[in-house]
Amino acid sequence: MLKKPETLFVLGYMLLPLLALLSAIVGLTMILGGNKIAGIIVLVVVTQVFAFGAFFALRARKAALAEGNGLQDYDAGR
């Protein structure tokens, strides 16, 4: 399931960046609310995990398209 380009597209361009944005908002809210240590941990760790996850999902999608898993579907429009 995680080898399909469509799934990796949704993860890399939609789901993981949205989760990174939401966790950054939560971290900043925690810092401004007075819970500085936990807010910094959320900003540094959780947000970066989602951001790097999106990056690796996009790299995996590019590799899957290059080796032919779904390449025929995307060549029709070119």
PDB file of N, CA and C in Angstrom:
ATOM      1  N   MET A   1       0.823  -1.192   0.000  1.00  0.00           N
ATOM      2  CA  MET A   1       0.000   0.000   0.000  1.00  0.00           C
ATOM      3  C   MET A   1       0.871   1.262   0.000  1.00  0.00           C
ATOM      4  N   LEU A   2       1.977   1.249   0.725  1.00  0.00           N
ATOM      5  CA  LEU A   2       2.839   2.430   0.766  1.00  0.00           C
ATOM      6  C   LEU A   2       3.798   2.497  -0.411  1.00  0.00           C
ATOM      7  N   LYS A   3       3.656   1.585  -1.359  1.00  0.00           N
ATOM      8  CA  LYS A   3       4.483   1.630  -2.563  1.00  0.00           C
ATOM      9  C   LYS A   3       3.739   2.256  -3.735  1.00  0.00           C
ATOM     10  N   LYS A   4       2.442   2.491  -3.570  1.00  0.00           N
ATOM     11  CA  LYS A   4       1.654   3.058  -4.657  1.00  0.00           C
ATOM     12  C   LYS A   4       1.915   4.563  -4.749  1.00  0.00           C
ATOM     13  N   PRO A   5       2.122   5.080  -5.958  1.00  0.00           N
ATOM     14  CA  PRO A   5       2.382   6.515  -6.111  1.00  0.00           C
ATOM     15  C   PRO A   5       1.233   7.394  -5.622  1.00  0.00           C
ATOM     16  N   GLU A   6      -0.004   6.905  -5.749  1.00  0.00           N
ATOM     17  CA  GLU A   6      -1.146   7.705  -5.300  1.00  0.00           C
ATOM     18  C   GLU A   6      -1.130   7.882  -3.788  1.00  0.00           C
ATOM     19  N   THR A   7      -0.823   6.808  -3.070  1.00  0.00           N
ATOM     20  CA  THR A   7      -0.750   6.875  -1.611  1.00  0.00           C
ATOM     21  C   THR A   7       0.383   7.789  -1.164  1.00  0.00           C
ATOM     22  N   LEU A   8       1.528   7.663  -1.816  1.00  0.00           N
ATOM     23  CA  LEU A   8       2.671   8.504  -1.470  1.00  0.00           C
ATOM     24  C   LEU A   8       2.415   9.970  -1.817  1.00  0.00           C
ATOM     25  N   PHE A   9       1.627  10.218  -2.871  1.00  0.00           N
ATOM     26  CA  PHE A   9       1.248  11.593  -3.206  1.00  0.00           C
ATOM     27  C   PHE A   9       0.424  12.212  -2.084  1.00  0.00           C
ATOM     28  N   VAL A  10      -0.568  11.465  -1.604  1.00  0.00           N
ATOM     29  CA  VAL A  10      -1.427  11.975  -0.527  1.00  0.00           C
ATOM     30  C   VAL A  10      -0.613  12.205   0.740  1.00  0.00           C
ATOM     31  N   LEU A  11       0.279  11.274   1.061  1.00  0.00           N
ATOM     32  CA  LEU A  11       1.107  11.436   2.253  1.00  0.00           C
ATOM     33  C   LEU A  11       2.073  12.610   2.112  1.00  0.00           C
ATOM     34  N   GLY A  12       2.761  12.695   0.984  1.00  0.00           N
ATOM     35  CA  GLY A  12       3.822  13.684   0.815  1.00  0.00           C
ATOM     36  C   GLY A  12       3.357  15.100   0.575  1.00  0.00           C
ATOM     37  N   TYR A  13       2.236  15.248  -0.119  1.00  0.00           N
ATOM     38  CA  TYR A  13       1.779  16.594  -0.460  1.00  0.00           C
ATOM     39  C   TYR A  13       0.624  17.090   0.392  1.00  0.00           C
ATOM     40  N   MET A  14      -0.098  16.187   1.060  1.00  0.00           N
ATOM     41  CA  MET A  14      -1.289  16.623   1.788  1.00  0.00           C
ATOM     42  C   MET A  14      -1.233  16.324   3.280  1.00  0.00           C
ATOM     43  N   LEU A  15      -1.146  15.055   3.633  1.00  0.00           N
ATOM     44  CA  LEU A  15      -1.338  14.660   5.025  1.00  0.00           C
ATOM     45  C   LEU A  15      -0.176  15.076   5.931  1.00  0.00           C
ATOM     46  N   LEU A  16       1.029  14.683   5.593  1.00  0.00           N
ATOM     47  CA  LEU A  16       2.164  14.977   6.471  1.00  0.00           C
ATOM     48  C   LEU A  16       2.491  16.474   6.569  1.00  0.00           C
ATOM     49  N   PRO A  17       2.439  17.250   5.477  1.00  0.00           N
ATOM     50  CA  PRO A  17       2.641  18.702   5.659  1.00  0.00           C
ATOM     51  C   PRO A  17       1.557  19.357   6.512  1.00  0.00           C
ATOM     52  N   LEU A  18       0.314  18.887   6.376  1.00  0.00           N
ATOM     53  CA  LEU A  18      -0.758  19.433   7.208  1.00  0.00           C
ATOM     54  C   LEU A  18      -0.525  19.103   8.678  1.00  0.00           C
ATOM     55  N   LEU A  19      -0.100  17.885   8.960  1.00  0.00           N
ATOM     56  CA  LEU A  19       0.198  17.513  10.346  1.00  0.00           C
ATOM     57  C   LEU A  19       1.395  18.296  10.887  1.00  0.00           C
ATOM     58  N   ALA A  20       2.383  18.571  10.038  1.00  0.00           N
ATOM     59  CA  ALA A  20       3.521  19.390  10.473  1.00  0.00           C
ATOM     60  C   ALA A  20       3.068  20.809  10.812  1.00  0.00           C
ATOM     61  N   LEU A  21       2.195  21.357   9.995  1.00  0.00           N
ATOM     62  CA  LEU A  21       1.684  22.698  10.267  1.00  0.00           C
ATOM     63  C   LEU A  21       0.872  22.729  11.559  1.00  0.00           C
ATOM     64  N   LEU A  22       0.022  21.741  11.744  1.00  0.00           N
ATOM     65  CA  LEU A  22      -0.788  21.695  12.963  1.00  0.00           C
ATOM     66  C   LEU A  22       0.063  21.502  14.213  1.00  0.00           C
ATOM     67  N   SER A  23       1.089  20.658  14.119  1.00  0.00           N
ATOM     68  CA  SER A  23       1.943  20.465  15.292  1.00  0.00           C
ATOM     69  C   SER A  23       2.781  21.713  15.578  1.00  0.00           C
ATOM     70  N   ALA A  24       3.151  22.470  14.543  1.00  0.00           N
ATOM     71  CA  ALA A  24       3.856  23.735  14.772  1.00  0.00           C
ATOM     72  C   ALA A  24       2.945  24.739  15.472  1.00  0.00           C
ATOM     73  N   ILE A  25       1.685  24.769  15.078  1.00  0.00           N
ATOM     74  CA  ILE A  25       0.727  25.662  15.742  1.00  0.00           C
ATOM     75  C   ILE A  25       0.538  25.261  17.198  1.00  0.00           C
ATOM     76  N   VAL A  26       0.429  23.955  17.443  1.00  0.00           N
ATOM     77  CA  VAL A  26       0.276  23.472  18.822  1.00  0.00           C
ATOM     78  C   VAL A  26       1.513  23.815  19.644  1.00  0.00           C
ATOM     79  N   GLY A  27       2.708  23.619  19.074  1.00  0.00           N
ATOM     80  CA  GLY A  27       3.936  23.935  19.793  1.00  0.00           C
ATOM     81  C   GLY A  27       4.053  25.409  20.128  1.00  0.00           C
ATOM     82  N   LEU A  28       3.723  26.263  19.170  1.00  0.00           N
ATOM     83  CA  LEU A  28       3.770  27.703  19.439  1.00  0.00           C
ATOM     84  C   LEU A  28       2.730  28.118  20.473  1.00  0.00           C
ATOM     85  N   THR A  29       1.558  27.505  20.411  1.00  0.00           N
ATOM     86  CA  THR A  29       0.526  27.797  21.409  1.00  0.00           C
ATOM     87  C   THR A  29       0.975  27.372  22.798  1.00  0.00           C
ATOM     88  N   MET A  30       1.652  26.235  22.878  1.00  0.00           N
ATOM     89  CA  MET A  30       2.156  25.773  24.172  1.00  0.00           C
ATOM     90  C   MET A  30       3.223  26.725  24.710  1.00  0.00           C
ATOM     91  N   ILE A  31       4.104  27.193  23.838  1.00  0.00           N
ATOM     92  CA  ILE A  31       5.150  28.122  24.277  1.00  0.00           C
ATOM     93  C   ILE A  31       4.537  29.427  24.760  1.00  0.00           C
ATOM     94  N   LEU A  32       3.597  29.955  23.997  1.00  0.00           N
ATOM     95  CA  LEU A  32       2.962  31.217  24.385  1.00  0.00           C
ATOM     96  C   LEU A  32       2.081  31.055  25.617  1.00  0.00           C
ATOM     97  N   GLY A  33       1.594  29.846  25.855  1.00  0.00           N
ATOM     98  CA  GLY A  33       0.764  29.589  27.026  1.00  0.00           C
ATOM     99  C   GLY A  33       1.549  29.344  28.292  1.00  0.00           C
ATOM    100  N   GLY A  34       2.867  29.279  28.204  1.00  0.00           N
ATOM    101  CA  GLY A  34       3.680  29.129  29.390  1.00  0.00           C
ATOM    102  C   GLY A  34       4.340  27.776  29.544  1.00  0.00           C
ATOM    103  N   ASN A  35       3.964  26.808  28.735  1.00  0.00           N
ATOM    104  CA  ASN A  35       4.560  25.474  28.821  1.00  0.00           C
ATOM    105  C   ASN A  35       5.717  25.402  27.822  1.00  0.00           C
ATOM    106  N   LYS A  36       6.829  26.037  28.166  1.00  0.00           N
ATOM    107  CA  LYS A  36       7.913  26.258  27.219  1.00  0.00           C
ATOM    108  C   LYS A  36       8.672  24.988  26.834  1.00  0.00           C
ATOM    109  N   ILE A  37       8.981  24.138  27.787  1.00  0.00           N
ATOM    110  CA  ILE A  37       9.779  22.941  27.492  1.00  0.00           C
ATOM    111  C   ILE A  37       9.014  21.997  26.569  1.00  0.00           C
ATOM    112  N   ALA A  38       7.768  21.712  26.902  1.00  0.00           N
ATOM    113  CA  ALA A  38       6.966  20.817  26.066  1.00  0.00           C
ATOM    114  C   ALA A  38       6.711  21.435  24.695  1.00  0.00           C
ATOM    115  N   GLY A  39       6.510  22.744  24.639  1.00  0.00           N
ATOM    116  CA  GLY A  39       6.298  23.414  23.362  1.00  0.00           C
ATOM    117  C   GLY A  39       7.511  23.343  22.460  1.00  0.00           C
ATOM    118  N   ILE A  40       8.685  23.504  23.041  1.00  0.00           N
ATOM    119  CA  ILE A  40       9.917  23.398  22.250  1.00  0.00           C
ATOM    120  C   ILE A  40      10.110  21.970  21.753  1.00  0.00           C
ATOM    121  N   ILE A  41       9.793  20.996  22.586  1.00  0.00           N
ATOM    122  CA  ILE A  41       9.899  19.595  22.165  1.00  0.00           C
ATOM    123  C   ILE A  41       8.951  19.312  21.008  1.00  0.00           C
ATOM    124  N   VAL A  42       7.728  19.809  21.104  1.00  0.00           N
ATOM    125  CA  VAL A  42       6.768  19.606  20.011  1.00  0.00           C
ATOM    126  C   VAL A  42       7.268  20.282  18.742  1.00  0.00           C
ATOM    127  N   LEU A  43       7.775  21.503  18.865  1.00  0.00           N
ATOM    128  CA  LEU A  43       8.275  22.203  17.681  1.00  0.00           C
ATOM    129  C   LEU A  43       9.471  21.500  17.055  1.00  0.00           C
ATOM    130  N   VAL A  44      10.413  21.106  17.871  1.00  0.00           N
ATOM    131  CA  VAL A  44      11.654  20.550  17.330  1.00  0.00           C
ATOM    132  C   VAL A  44      11.483  19.105  16.874  1.00  0.00           C
ATOM    133  N   VAL A  45      10.821  18.291  17.666  1.00  0.00           N
ATOM    134  CA  VAL A  45      10.765  16.861  17.364  1.00  0.00           C
ATOM    135  C   VAL A  45       9.573  16.514  16.477  1.00  0.00           C
ATOM    136  N   VAL A  46       8.385  16.796  16.942  1.00  0.00           N
ATOM    137  CA  VAL A  46       7.182  16.323  16.247  1.00  0.00           C
ATOM    138  C   VAL A  46       7.031  16.984  14.879  1.00  0.00           C
ATOM    139  N   THR A  47       7.220  18.289  14.819  1.00  0.00           N
ATOM    140  CA  THR A  47       7.084  18.987  13.543  1.00  0.00           C
ATOM    141  C   THR A  47       8.113  18.499  12.535  1.00  0.00           C
ATOM    142  N   GLN A  48       9.339  18.286  12.983  1.00  0.00           N
ATOM    143  CA  GLN A  48      10.380  17.822  12.069  1.00  0.00           C
ATOM    144  C   GLN A  48      10.139  16.397  11.598  1.00  0.00           C
ATOM    145  N   VAL A  49       9.565  15.557  12.437  1.00  0.00           N
ATOM    146  CA  VAL A  49       9.242  14.185  12.022  1.00  0.00           C
ATOM    147  C   VAL A  49       8.240  14.217  10.875  1.00  0.00           C
ATOM    148  N   PHE A  50       7.202  15.035  10.996  1.00  0.00           N
ATOM    149  CA  PHE A  50       6.216  15.126   9.925  1.00  0.00           C
ATOM    150  C   PHE A  50       6.809  15.753   8.666  1.00  0.00           C
ATOM    151  N   ALA A  51       7.646  16.757   8.815  1.00  0.00           N
ATOM    152  CA  ALA A  51       8.247  17.413   7.652  1.00  0.00           C
ATOM    153  C   ALA A  51       9.195  16.465   6.913  1.00  0.00           C
ATOM    154  N   PHE A  52      10.044  15.762   7.638  1.00  0.00           N
ATOM    155  CA  PHE A  52      10.946  14.813   6.988  1.00  0.00           C
ATOM    156  C   PHE A  52      10.194  13.610   6.441  1.00  0.00           C
ATOM    157  N   GLY A  53       9.103  13.218   7.091  1.00  0.00           N
ATOM    158  CA  GLY A  53       8.262  12.141   6.561  1.00  0.00           C
ATOM    159  C   GLY A  53       7.675  12.507   5.213  1.00  0.00           C
ATOM    160  N   ALA A  54       7.245  13.747   5.061  1.00  0.00           N
ATOM    161  CA  ALA A  54       6.728  14.208   3.770  1.00  0.00           C
ATOM    162  C   ALA A  54       7.828  14.198   2.718  1.00  0.00           C
ATOM    163  N   PHE A  55       9.013  14.629   3.097  1.00  0.00           N
ATOM    164  CA  PHE A  55      10.140  14.636   2.163  1.00  0.00           C
ATOM    165  C   PHE A  55      10.467  13.224   1.682  1.00  0.00           C
ATOM    166  N   PHE A  56      10.518  12.268   2.600  1.00  0.00           N
ATOM    167  CA  PHE A  56      10.834  10.897   2.216  1.00  0.00           C
ATOM    168  C   PHE A  56       9.700  10.245   1.435  1.00  0.00           C
ATOM    169  N   ALA A  57       8.450  10.603   1.712  1.00  0.00           N
ATOM    170  CA  ALA A  57       7.329  10.078   0.931  1.00  0.00           C
ATOM    171  C   ALA A  57       7.405  10.569  -0.511  1.00  0.00           C
ATOM    172  N   LEU A  58       7.792  11.819  -0.698  1.00  0.00           N
ATOM    173  CA  LEU A  58       7.920  12.342  -2.057  1.00  0.00           C
ATOM    174  C   LEU A  58       9.088  11.700  -2.797  1.00  0.00           C
ATOM    175  N   ARG A  59      10.175  11.435  -2.080  1.00  0.00           N
ATOM    176  CA  ARG A  59      11.300  10.730  -2.718  1.00  0.00           C
ATOM    177  C   ARG A  59      10.914   9.311  -3.099  1.00  0.00           C
ATOM    178  N   ALA A  60      10.164   8.636  -2.237  1.00  0.00           N
ATOM    179  CA  ALA A  60       9.719   7.275  -2.539  1.00  0.00           C
ATOM    180  C   ALA A  60       8.742   7.268  -3.710  1.00  0.00           C
ATOM    181  N   ARG A  61       7.896   8.283  -3.806  1.00  0.00           N
ATOM    182  CA  ARG A  61       6.960   8.388  -4.928  1.00  0.00           C
ATOM    183  C   ARG A  61       7.716   8.584  -6.235  1.00  0.00           C
ATOM    184  N   LYS A  62       8.728   9.434  -6.201  1.00  0.00           N
ATOM    185  CA  LYS A  62       9.523   9.673  -7.404  1.00  0.00           C
ATOM    186  C   LYS A  62      10.231   8.395  -7.847  1.00  0.00           C
ATOM    187  N   ALA A  63      10.758   7.645  -6.893  1.00  0.00           N
ATOM    188  CA  ALA A  63      11.426   6.387  -7.226  1.00  0.00           C
ATOM    189  C   ALA A  63      10.434   5.359  -7.758  1.00  0.00           C
ATOM    190  N   ALA A  64       9.236   5.315  -7.183  1.00  0.00           N
ATOM    191  CA  ALA A  64       8.224   4.368  -7.650  1.00  0.00           C
ATOM    192  C   ALA A  64       7.776   4.704  -9.066  1.00  0.00           C
ATOM    193  N   LEU A  65       7.647   5.983  -9.367  1.00  0.00           N
ATOM    194  CA  LEU A  65       7.275   6.376 -10.728  1.00  0.00           C
ATOM    195  C   LEU A  65       8.399   6.092 -11.711  1.00  0.00           C
ATOM    196  N   ALA A  66       9.628   6.248 -11.280  1.00  0.00           N
ATOM    197  CA  ALA A  66      10.765   6.036 -12.172  1.00  0.00           C
ATOM    198  C   ALA A  66      10.956   4.566 -12.514  1.00  0.00           C
ATOM    199  N   GLU A  67      10.651   3.684 -11.584  1.00  0.00           N
ATOM    200  CA  GLU A  67      10.862   2.257 -11.857  1.00  0.00           C
ATOM    201  C   GLU A  67       9.670   1.610 -12.536  1.00  0.00           C
ATOM    202  N   GLY A  68       8.576   2.347 -12.706  1.00  0.00           N
ATOM    203  CA  GLY A  68       7.476   1.827 -13.494  1.00  0.00           C
ATOM    204  C   GLY A  68       6.235   1.444 -12.726  1.00  0.00           C
ATOM    205  N   ASN A  69       6.179   1.639 -11.435  1.00  0.00           N
ATOM    206  CA  ASN A  69       4.972   1.343 -10.669  1.00  0.00           C
ATOM    207  C   ASN A  69       3.969   2.465 -10.872  1.00  0.00           C
ATOM    208  N   GLY A  70       3.232   2.409 -11.949  1.00  0.00           N
ATOM    209  CA  GLY A  70       2.254   3.447 -12.215  1.00  0.00           C
ATOM    210  C   GLY A  70       2.711   4.443 -13.260  1.00  0.00           C
ATOM    211  N   LEU A  71       3.832   4.170 -13.910  1.00  0.00           N
ATOM    212  CA  LEU A  71       4.349   5.096 -14.907  1.00  0.00           C
ATOM    213  C   LEU A  71       3.423   5.181 -16.114  1.00  0.00           C
ATOM    214  N   GLN A  72       2.758   4.079 -16.467  1.00  0.00           N
ATOM    215  CA  GLN A  72       1.872   4.091 -17.619  1.00  0.00           C
ATOM    216  C   GLN A  72       0.680   5.013 -17.395  1.00  0.00           C
ATOM    217  N   ASP A  73       0.232   5.173 -16.163  1.00  0.00           N
ATOM    218  CA  ASP A  73      -0.891   6.061 -15.883  1.00  0.00           C
ATOM    219  C   ASP A  73      -0.495   7.526 -16.066  1.00  0.00           C
ATOM    220  N   TYR A  74       0.724   7.867 -15.774  1.00  0.00           N
ATOM    221  CA  TYR A  74       1.154   9.256 -15.812  1.00  0.00           C
ATOM    222  C   TYR A  74       1.724   9.654 -17.173  1.00  0.00           C
ATOM    223  N   ASP A  75       2.103   8.682 -18.004  1.00  0.00           N
ATOM    224  CA  ASP A  75       2.610   9.004 -19.330  1.00  0.00           C
ATOM    225  C   ASP A  75       1.494   9.320 -20.311  1.00  0.00           C
ATOM    226  N   ALA A  76       0.266   8.976 -19.994  1.00  0.00           N
ATOM    227  CA  ALA A  76      -0.846   9.195 -20.912  1.00  0.00           C
ATOM    228  C   ALA A  76      -1.114  10.679 -21.131  1.00  0.00           C
ATOM    229  N   GLY A  77      -0.844  11.507 -20.143  1.00  0.00           N
ATOM    230  CA  GLY A  77      -1.111  12.933 -20.265  1.00  0.00           C
ATOM    231  C   GLY A  77      -0.008  13.718 -20.929  1.00  0.00           C
ATOM    232  N   ARG A  78       1.111  13.112 -21.210  1.00  0.00           N
ATOM    233  CA  ARG A  78       2.261  13.835 -21.774  1.00  0.00           C
ATOM    234  C   ARG A  78       2.294  13.757 -23.271  1.00  0.00           C
TER     235      ARG A  78
END
